[in-house]
Amino acid sequence: MGFGKSQPIHVIRGERPFQAALMSALALLTLLFAGIIVSLMTYTDWDVLVATLLSPEILFAIRLSLITATISTAFAMLAAIPVAYAISHFQFPGKSIVDTILDLPIVISPIALGAALLVFFNTPAGVAIENKLIRFVFEVPGIILAQFTIVTALAIRLLKSTFDSIDPRYEQVGRTLGCTKLAAFCTVTLPLARNGLIAAAILTWARAIGEFGATVTLAGATKQKTETLPIAIFLNLATADVEKAVAVIFILIAISVVALIFLRRISSTRYPR
């Protein structure tokens, strides 16, 4: 009994150094990121910043980024939903190999993936696509393809976690009520996965907005043609126009903050009991 009474005291004594270490790590990392943002704010002339944001070049980059990221995210979600569901619920030969291949865009450098796409469009099949269907190399469709290649793997991982968390018995109940497999998926699983689907779409879209490596390799970096927001930063830094580059960085930060706010709200949403 004596040991049982003294145990909470030891636990409390042991918690304080642990909590102090955790809070120190939290404070240091927060200060690091906050310091980076503050340095950008103190560096910037706000009159120049506003003028830069309203310049034709930056407005073009904003519009192109929003359009291409939205299109690539839509394609990525359409591809990721059935793929993630299949990986989550089905067993098939070579599943681990397929799963590994689908993860490659997450771990391989985006520049390497962009170079691989560029090499593909120099093969007979790629040349045929370029000549007879649609041009991707150094064109706006190349931006969409590069973003799609990068973000689809992220969407699959996020959606797989969502489908893994849904009890398959809900679908089984739907099947017993006369639903086909497709009907049960559409009327039972997808509504249950609603928050995960929206969260995955937001994160995928935000990642597409910030994609640079594969885009600049496949689509190039041409002002007011293939100039997305990350490419605008690259081009303006290359010409030593730091103030314009900082303005674009603030745009990306603002987009990221808005996306994270939506994500936090979705994460805190619960279905009524």
Protein backbone atom coordinates (compact mmCIF):
# COMPACT_ATOMS: atom_id res chain seq x y z
CA MET A 1 0.00 0.00 0.00
CA GLY A 2 2.86 2.36 0.85
CA PHE A 3 4.42 1.84 -2.57
CA GLY A 4 1.07 2.51 -4.19
CA LYS A 5 0.75 5.85 -2.36
CA SER A 6 4.26 7.03 -3.23
CA GLN A 7 3.98 6.16 -6.94
CA PRO A 8 2.01 9.29 -7.99
CA ILE A 9 4.69 11.49 -6.34
CA HIS A 10 7.42 9.86 -8.41
CA VAL A 11 5.30 10.22 -11.52
CA ILE A 12 4.77 13.95 -10.87
CA ARG A 13 8.48 14.48 -10.20
CA GLY A 14 9.36 12.68 -13.40
CA GLU A 15 6.86 14.64 -15.48
CA ARG A 16 8.31 18.09 -14.83
CA PRO A 17 11.64 17.65 -16.66
CA PHE A 18 9.83 15.85 -19.47
CA GLN A 19 7.28 18.65 -19.85
CA ALA A 20 10.04 21.26 -19.70
CA ALA A 21 11.92 19.50 -22.51
CA LEU A 22 8.77 19.30 -24.63
CA MET A 23 7.88 22.96 -24.12
CA SER A 24 11.46 24.04 -24.85
CA ALA A 25 11.44 22.20 -28.17
CA LEU A 26 8.03 23.68 -28.97
CA ALA A 27 9.17 27.21 -28.11
CA LEU A 28 12.42 26.97 -30.09
CA LEU A 29 10.73 25.67 -33.24
CA THR A 30 7.94 28.26 -32.99
CA LEU A 31 10.47 31.06 -32.52
CA LEU A 32 12.44 29.84 -35.53
CA PHE A 33 9.48 30.02 -37.90
CA ALA A 34 8.14 33.21 -36.35
CA GLY A 35 11.58 34.80 -36.67
CA ILE A 36 11.69 33.96 -40.38
CA ILE A 37 8.29 35.59 -40.96
CA VAL A 38 9.22 38.67 -38.89
CA SER A 39 12.46 39.07 -40.86
CA LEU A 40 10.44 39.15 -44.08
CA MET A 41 8.10 41.77 -42.63
CA THR A 42 10.91 44.03 -41.42
CA TYR A 43 12.76 43.71 -44.73
CA THR A 44 9.79 44.74 -46.85
CA ASP A 45 8.74 48.25 -47.89
CA TRP A 46 4.97 47.93 -47.69
CA ASP A 47 4.28 50.52 -50.43
CA VAL A 48 6.54 48.58 -52.78
CA LEU A 49 4.90 45.35 -51.63
CA VAL A 50 1.39 46.54 -52.53
CA ALA A 51 2.57 47.88 -55.89
CA THR A 52 4.28 44.57 -56.61
CA LEU A 53 1.21 42.56 -55.73
CA LEU A 54 -0.81 44.57 -58.25
CA SER A 55 1.75 44.24 -61.03
CA PRO A 56 0.65 42.33 -64.18
CA GLU A 57 3.36 39.70 -63.70
CA ILE A 58 2.36 38.77 -60.15
CA LEU A 59 -1.36 38.86 -60.93
CA PHE A 60 -0.67 36.47 -63.82
CA ALA A 61 1.32 34.16 -61.53
CA ILE A 62 -1.48 34.16 -58.95
CA ARG A 63 -4.13 33.37 -61.54
CA LEU A 64 -2.07 30.65 -63.22
CA SER A 65 -1.20 29.02 -59.87
CA LEU A 66 -4.81 28.97 -58.71
CA ILE A 67 -6.09 27.53 -62.00
CA THR A 68 -3.42 24.86 -62.43
CA ALA A 69 -3.48 23.80 -58.77
CA THR A 70 -7.27 23.46 -58.82
CA ILE A 71 -7.24 21.37 -62.01
CA SER A 72 -4.37 19.13 -60.86
CA THR A 73 -6.03 18.65 -57.47
CA ALA A 74 -9.32 17.65 -59.10
CA PHE A 75 -7.54 15.06 -61.26
CA ALA A 76 -5.48 13.88 -58.28
CA MET A 77 -8.55 13.35 -56.10
CA LEU A 78 -10.40 11.52 -58.88
CA ALA A 79 -7.45 9.15 -59.23
CA ALA A 80 -6.61 8.88 -55.53
CA ILE A 81 -10.08 7.96 -54.20
CA PRO A 82 -10.42 4.59 -55.99
CA VAL A 83 -6.71 3.80 -55.64
CA ALA A 84 -6.63 4.55 -51.91
CA TYR A 85 -9.82 2.54 -51.36
CA ALA A 86 -8.41 -0.44 -53.25
CA ILE A 87 -5.17 -0.40 -51.25
CA SER A 88 -7.08 -0.01 -48.00
CA HIS A 89 -9.73 -2.72 -48.52
CA PHE A 90 -8.43 -5.27 -51.04
CA GLN A 91 -5.67 -7.85 -51.02
CA PHE A 92 -4.04 -8.68 -54.35
CA PRO A 93 -0.74 -10.11 -55.62
CA GLY A 94 2.06 -7.55 -55.61
CA LYS A 95 0.20 -5.15 -53.33
CA SER A 96 3.35 -4.16 -51.44
CA ILE A 97 5.16 -3.47 -54.72
CA VAL A 98 2.29 -1.32 -56.01
CA ASP A 99 2.13 0.51 -52.68
CA THR A 100 5.86 1.23 -52.85
CA ILE A 101 5.67 2.51 -56.43
CA LEU A 102 2.82 4.86 -55.52
CA ASP A 103 4.91 6.28 -52.67
CA LEU A 104 7.87 7.14 -54.92
CA PRO A 105 6.75 10.73 -55.68
CA ILE A 106 6.79 11.44 -51.95
CA VAL A 107 10.41 10.40 -51.41
CA ILE A 108 12.00 11.20 -54.79
CA SER A 109 13.18 14.75 -55.48
CA PRO A 110 10.58 16.73 -57.49
CA ILE A 111 13.36 17.82 -59.86
CA ALA A 112 14.15 14.15 -60.52
CA LEU A 113 10.49 13.45 -61.27
CA GLY A 114 10.34 16.45 -63.58
CA ALA A 115 13.45 15.22 -65.38
CA ALA A 116 11.90 11.75 -65.69
CA LEU A 117 8.79 13.29 -67.27
CA LEU A 118 10.98 15.28 -69.62
CA VAL A 119 12.80 12.10 -70.66
CA PHE A 120 9.46 10.34 -71.21
CA PHE A 121 8.36 13.02 -73.66
CA ASN A 122 11.51 12.36 -75.66
CA THR A 123 10.56 8.70 -76.17
CA PRO A 124 8.47 7.63 -79.20
CA ALA A 125 5.32 7.39 -77.05
CA GLY A 126 5.94 10.80 -75.51
CA VAL A 127 6.67 12.41 -78.88
CA ALA A 128 3.43 10.95 -80.26
CA ILE A 129 1.47 12.42 -77.35
CA GLU A 130 3.13 15.81 -77.89
CA ASN A 131 2.50 15.85 -81.64
CA LYS A 132 -0.97 14.31 -81.85
CA LEU A 133 -2.72 14.98 -78.53
CA ILE A 134 -1.46 17.80 -76.32
CA ARG A 135 1.85 19.53 -75.71
CA PHE A 136 3.25 19.35 -72.19
CA VAL A 137 6.91 20.32 -72.47
CA PHE A 138 7.38 24.05 -71.73
CA GLU A 139 3.61 24.58 -71.83
CA VAL A 140 0.89 25.21 -69.24
CA PRO A 141 -0.44 21.59 -69.42
CA GLY A 142 3.04 20.56 -68.29
CA ILE A 143 2.47 22.51 -65.08
CA ILE A 144 -0.72 20.56 -64.42
CA LEU A 145 0.95 17.23 -65.21
CA ALA A 146 3.93 18.02 -62.96
CA GLN A 147 1.67 19.06 -60.09
CA PHE A 148 -0.54 16.01 -60.59
CA THR A 149 2.49 13.68 -60.52
CA ILE A 150 3.71 15.18 -57.25
CA VAL A 151 0.44 15.57 -55.32
CA THR A 152 -1.38 12.36 -56.26
CA ALA A 153 0.85 10.27 -53.99
CA LEU A 154 0.09 12.63 -51.09
CA ALA A 155 -3.65 12.39 -51.76
CA ILE A 156 -3.47 8.58 -51.84
CA ARG A 157 -1.66 8.42 -48.49
CA LEU A 158 -4.14 10.79 -46.83
CA LEU A 159 -7.19 9.02 -48.23
CA LYS A 160 -5.87 5.57 -47.38
CA SER A 161 -5.63 6.64 -43.73
CA THR A 162 -9.20 7.92 -43.95
CA PHE A 163 -10.56 4.68 -45.44
CA ASP A 164 -8.56 2.61 -42.94
CA SER A 165 -10.32 4.40 -40.09
CA ILE A 166 -13.83 3.52 -41.35
CA ASP A 167 -15.25 0.29 -39.95
CA PRO A 168 -16.04 -2.04 -42.90
CA ARG A 169 -19.12 -3.27 -41.05
CA TYR A 170 -20.95 -0.10 -42.14
CA GLU A 171 -20.61 -1.18 -45.76
CA GLN A 172 -21.61 -4.73 -44.84
CA VAL A 173 -24.83 -3.41 -43.32
CA GLY A 174 -25.53 -1.52 -46.54
CA ARG A 175 -24.96 -4.69 -48.53
CA THR A 176 -27.43 -6.60 -46.37
CA LEU A 177 -30.00 -3.90 -47.15
CA GLY A 178 -29.66 -4.58 -50.87
CA CYS A 179 -26.94 -2.15 -51.93
CA THR A 180 -24.40 -3.18 -54.50
CA LYS A 181 -20.72 -2.77 -53.67
CA LEU A 182 -20.60 0.47 -55.67
CA ALA A 183 -23.79 1.79 -54.09
CA ALA A 184 -22.52 0.98 -50.58
CA PHE A 185 -19.26 2.77 -51.37
CA CYS A 186 -21.05 5.86 -52.68
CA THR A 187 -23.82 6.08 -50.09
CA VAL A 188 -22.05 4.78 -46.98
CA THR A 189 -18.27 5.03 -47.18
CA LEU A 190 -17.90 8.35 -49.00
CA PRO A 191 -20.25 10.26 -46.66
CA LEU A 192 -18.39 8.82 -43.65
CA ALA A 193 -15.10 9.87 -45.24
CA ARG A 194 -16.34 13.39 -46.01
CA ASN A 195 -14.04 15.25 -43.63
CA GLY A 196 -11.03 13.20 -44.70
CA LEU A 197 -11.82 13.83 -48.36
CA ILE A 198 -12.06 17.58 -47.84
CA ALA A 199 -8.90 17.67 -45.73
CA ALA A 200 -7.01 15.66 -48.34
CA ALA A 201 -8.22 17.99 -51.10
CA ILE A 202 -7.11 21.09 -49.16
CA LEU A 203 -3.65 19.71 -48.40
CA THR A 204 -3.25 18.44 -51.95
CA TRP A 205 -4.26 21.81 -53.38
CA ALA A 206 -1.91 23.70 -51.06
CA ARG A 207 0.94 21.36 -52.02
CA ALA A 208 0.17 21.90 -55.71
CA ILE A 209 0.28 25.67 -55.24
CA GLY A 210 3.79 25.41 -53.80
CA GLU A 211 5.17 22.85 -56.28
CA PHE A 212 8.35 24.03 -58.00
CA GLY A 213 10.92 21.36 -58.86
CA ALA A 214 8.98 19.16 -61.28
CA THR A 215 7.18 22.18 -62.75
CA VAL A 216 10.28 24.18 -63.62
CA THR A 217 11.95 21.08 -65.10
CA LEU A 218 9.04 20.04 -67.33
CA ALA A 219 7.23 23.32 -68.07
CA GLY A 220 10.17 25.70 -67.82
CA ALA A 221 10.30 29.18 -66.28
CA THR A 222 8.96 31.70 -68.78
CA LYS A 223 7.56 35.00 -67.51
CA GLN A 224 3.80 35.31 -67.96
CA LYS A 225 3.60 31.96 -69.70
CA THR A 226 4.52 29.18 -67.28
CA GLU A 227 5.13 31.50 -64.32
CA THR A 228 3.46 30.10 -61.22
CA LEU A 229 4.05 31.67 -57.81
CA PRO A 230 7.10 29.51 -56.89
CA ILE A 231 8.59 30.12 -60.35
CA ALA A 232 7.98 33.87 -59.88
CA ILE A 233 10.08 33.71 -56.70
CA PHE A 234 12.81 31.87 -58.60
CA LEU A 235 12.81 34.32 -61.53
CA ASN A 236 12.84 37.43 -59.37
CA LEU A 237 15.60 36.13 -57.13
CA ALA A 238 17.60 35.28 -60.26
CA THR A 239 17.36 38.93 -61.35
CA ALA A 240 18.07 40.20 -57.81
CA ASP A 241 14.56 41.67 -57.51
CA VAL A 242 14.28 40.61 -53.88
CA GLU A 243 11.32 42.84 -53.01
CA LYS A 244 9.14 41.26 -55.69
CA ALA A 245 10.24 37.80 -54.56
CA VAL A 246 9.33 38.66 -50.96
CA ALA A 247 5.90 39.85 -52.11
CA VAL A 248 5.27 36.47 -53.73
CA ILE A 249 6.46 34.70 -50.58
CA PHE A 250 3.84 36.63 -48.60
CA ILE A 251 1.18 35.48 -51.07
CA LEU A 252 2.20 31.85 -50.57
CA ILE A 253 2.21 32.32 -46.79
CA ALA A 254 -1.28 33.84 -46.93
CA ILE A 255 -2.58 30.96 -49.07
CA SER A 256 -1.02 28.44 -46.68
CA VAL A 257 -2.56 30.14 -43.64
CA VAL A 258 -6.02 30.15 -45.22
CA ALA A 259 -5.68 26.48 -46.17
CA LEU A 260 -4.57 25.56 -42.64
CA ILE A 261 -7.47 27.50 -41.09
CA PHE A 262 -9.94 25.54 -43.23
CA LEU A 263 -8.14 22.33 -42.32
CA ARG A 264 -8.33 23.08 -38.59
CA ARG A 265 -12.05 23.77 -38.85
CA ILE A 266 -12.65 20.54 -40.73
CA SER A 267 -10.54 18.56 -38.26
CA SER A 268 -12.57 19.94 -35.36
CA THR A 269 -15.90 19.10 -37.03
CA ARG A 270 -17.67 16.03 -35.66
CA TYR A 271 -20.79 14.32 -36.76
CA PRO A 272 -23.71 14.72 -34.37
CA ARG A 273 -24.38 11.72 -32.20
